[in-house]
Amino acid sequence: MIGRVTKYFEDKGYGFIRGDNNQTYFIHQSKLNGEHVECGYLVYFDVCTDDRADNKAMNISVIEATERNRRNNRYGKKGK
C-alpha cells in the first residue's frame, strides 16, 4: 500500500501514515528497515494486524522524500 507520513516522533520512535485508502496506520521505528522518515514522506508499506491493533505498517520503504528533495534544490531553485 502507498501512503504519506502524517506524523513521526523521532525521539519517541513512532508515528502515523495515512494510507491511500484514507485509513491511518501506526508505524514503529523497528519496522522501518533502516529507512529514515519524516512528516510528508511518501512511503510504500505492508499492512499488519495483531491482537493489539488492526492498522499497523511494516516493511516501510520511502518512495519520495519531499523535504530531502527540497534541501537538495531539486525543485528548480538555483544553488549558490
C-alpha atoms as a PDB file:
ATOM      1  CA  MET A   1       0.000   0.000   0.000  1.00  0.00           C
ATOM      2  CA  ILE A   2       1.103   3.589  -0.560  1.00  0.00           C
ATOM      3  CA  GLY A   3       0.642   6.369   1.961  1.00  0.00           C
ATOM      4  CA  ARG A   4       2.067   9.585   3.367  1.00  0.00           C
ATOM      5  CA  VAL A   5       3.692  10.039   6.771  1.00  0.00           C
ATOM      6  CA  THR A   6       1.414  12.417   8.683  1.00  0.00           C
ATOM      7  CA  LYS A   7       3.322  12.466  11.972  1.00  0.00           C
ATOM      8  CA  TYR A   8       6.601  10.976  13.122  1.00  0.00           C
ATOM      9  CA  PHE A   9       8.119  11.486  16.548  1.00  0.00           C
ATOM     10  CA  GLU A  10      11.769  10.592  16.029  1.00  0.00           C
ATOM     11  CA  ASP A  11      12.597  10.983  19.729  1.00  0.00           C
ATOM     12  CA  LYS A  12       9.830   8.513  20.638  1.00  0.00           C
ATOM     13  CA  GLY A  13      10.321   6.183  17.676  1.00  0.00           C
ATOM     14  CA  TYR A  14       6.789   6.061  16.336  1.00  0.00           C
ATOM     15  CA  GLY A  15       4.363   7.877  14.088  1.00  0.00           C
ATOM     16  CA  PHE A  16       1.483   7.551  11.659  1.00  0.00           C
ATOM     17  CA  ILE A  17       0.879   7.051   7.939  1.00  0.00           C
ATOM     18  CA  ARG A  18      -2.310   7.991   6.067  1.00  0.00           C
ATOM     19  CA  GLY A  19      -2.839   5.206   3.527  1.00  0.00           C
ATOM     20  CA  ASP A  20      -4.243   5.682   0.046  1.00  0.00           C
ATOM     21  CA  ASN A  21      -7.482   4.155   1.418  1.00  0.00           C
ATOM     22  CA  ASN A  22      -7.699   7.099   3.880  1.00  0.00           C
ATOM     23  CA  GLN A  23      -7.004   4.851   6.897  1.00  0.00           C
ATOM     24  CA  THR A  24      -4.376   5.767   9.499  1.00  0.00           C
ATOM     25  CA  TYR A  25      -1.587   3.262  10.196  1.00  0.00           C
ATOM     26  CA  PHE A  26       0.760   3.145  13.191  1.00  0.00           C
ATOM     27  CA  ILE A  27       4.486   2.956  12.427  1.00  0.00           C
ATOM     28  CA  HIS A  28       7.248   1.981  14.819  1.00  0.00           C
ATOM     29  CA  GLN A  29      10.951   2.527  14.228  1.00  0.00           C
ATOM     30  CA  SER A  30      11.565  -1.236  14.464  1.00  0.00           C
ATOM     31  CA  LYS A  31       9.553  -1.668  11.225  1.00  0.00           C
ATOM     32  CA  LEU A  32      11.465   0.960   9.212  1.00  0.00           C
ATOM     33  CA  ASN A  33      14.169  -1.453   7.981  1.00  0.00           C
ATOM     34  CA  GLY A  34      16.801   1.273   8.292  1.00  0.00           C
ATOM     35  CA  GLU A  35      14.745   3.891   6.418  1.00  0.00           C
ATOM     36  CA  HIS A  36      14.552   7.467   7.692  1.00  0.00           C
ATOM     37  CA  VAL A  37      11.063   9.004   7.605  1.00  0.00           C
ATOM     38  CA  GLU A  38       9.716  12.481   8.253  1.00  0.00           C
ATOM     39  CA  CYS A  39       6.322  14.102   8.022  1.00  0.00           C
ATOM     40  CA  GLY A  40       5.281  14.429   4.378  1.00  0.00           C
ATOM     41  CA  TYR A  41       7.296  11.491   3.005  1.00  0.00           C
ATOM     42  CA  LEU A  42       5.511   9.232   0.536  1.00  0.00           C
ATOM     43  CA  VAL A  43       6.052   5.586   1.511  1.00  0.00           C
ATOM     44  CA  TYR A  44       5.205   2.052   0.462  1.00  0.00           C
ATOM     45  CA  PHE A  45       4.272  -0.329   3.283  1.00  0.00           C
ATOM     46  CA  ASP A  46       2.609  -3.615   4.147  1.00  0.00           C
ATOM     47  CA  VAL A  47      -0.373  -3.719   6.495  1.00  0.00           C
ATOM     48  CA  CYS A  48      -0.017  -5.844   9.608  1.00  0.00           C
ATOM     49  CA  THR A  49      -2.607  -6.796  12.214  1.00  0.00           C
ATOM     50  CA  ASP A  50      -2.122  -8.282  15.653  1.00  0.00           C
ATOM     51  CA  ASP A  51      -4.086  -8.649  18.885  1.00  0.00           C
ATOM     52  CA  ARG A  52      -3.374  -5.014  19.879  1.00  0.00           C
ATOM     53  CA  ALA A  53      -4.217  -3.138  16.691  1.00  0.00           C
ATOM     54  CA  ASP A  54      -5.633  -3.659  13.223  1.00  0.00           C
ATOM     55  CA  ASN A  55      -3.768  -0.870  11.447  1.00  0.00           C
ATOM     56  CA  LYS A  56       0.000  -1.225  11.689  1.00  0.00           C
ATOM     57  CA  ALA A  57       2.549  -0.610   8.950  1.00  0.00           C
ATOM     58  CA  MET A  58       5.631  -2.748   8.374  1.00  0.00           C
ATOM     59  CA  ASN A  59       8.287  -3.191   5.672  1.00  0.00           C
ATOM     60  CA  ILE A  60       8.270   0.560   5.060  1.00  0.00           C
ATOM     61  CA  SER A  61      10.147   1.956   2.045  1.00  0.00           C
ATOM     62  CA  VAL A  62      10.457   5.634   1.186  1.00  0.00           C
ATOM     63  CA  ILE A  63       9.206   6.448  -2.318  1.00  0.00           C
ATOM     64  CA  GLU A  64       9.526  10.238  -2.181  1.00  0.00           C
ATOM     65  CA  ALA A  65      11.270  12.289   0.470  1.00  0.00           C
ATOM     66  CA  THR A  66       9.798  15.750  -0.075  1.00  0.00           C
ATOM     67  CA  GLU A  67      11.927  17.581   2.464  1.00  0.00           C
ATOM     68  CA  ARG A  68      15.097  15.801   1.355  1.00  0.00           C
ATOM     69  CA  ASN A  69      14.426  16.876  -2.251  1.00  0.00           C
ATOM     70  CA  ARG A  70      13.757  20.453  -1.190  1.00  0.00           C
ATOM     71  CA  ARG A  71      17.022  20.622   0.779  1.00  0.00           C
ATOM     72  CA  ASN A  72      18.941  19.360  -2.251  1.00  0.00           C
ATOM     73  CA  ASN A  73      17.438  22.016  -4.578  1.00  0.00           C
ATOM     74  CA  ARG A  74      15.537  19.518  -6.727  1.00  0.00           C
ATOM     75  CA  TYR A  75      12.609  21.866  -7.273  1.00  0.00           C
ATOM     76  CA  GLY A  76      14.190  24.197  -9.793  1.00  0.00           C
ATOM     77  CA  LYS A  77      15.878  26.589  -7.374  1.00  0.00           C
ATOM     78  CA  LYS A  78      19.379  27.556  -8.290  1.00  0.00           C
ATOM     79  CA  GLY A  79      22.157  26.888  -5.813  1.00  0.00           C
ATOM     80  CA  LYS A  80      24.992  29.247  -4.944  1.00  0.00           C
END
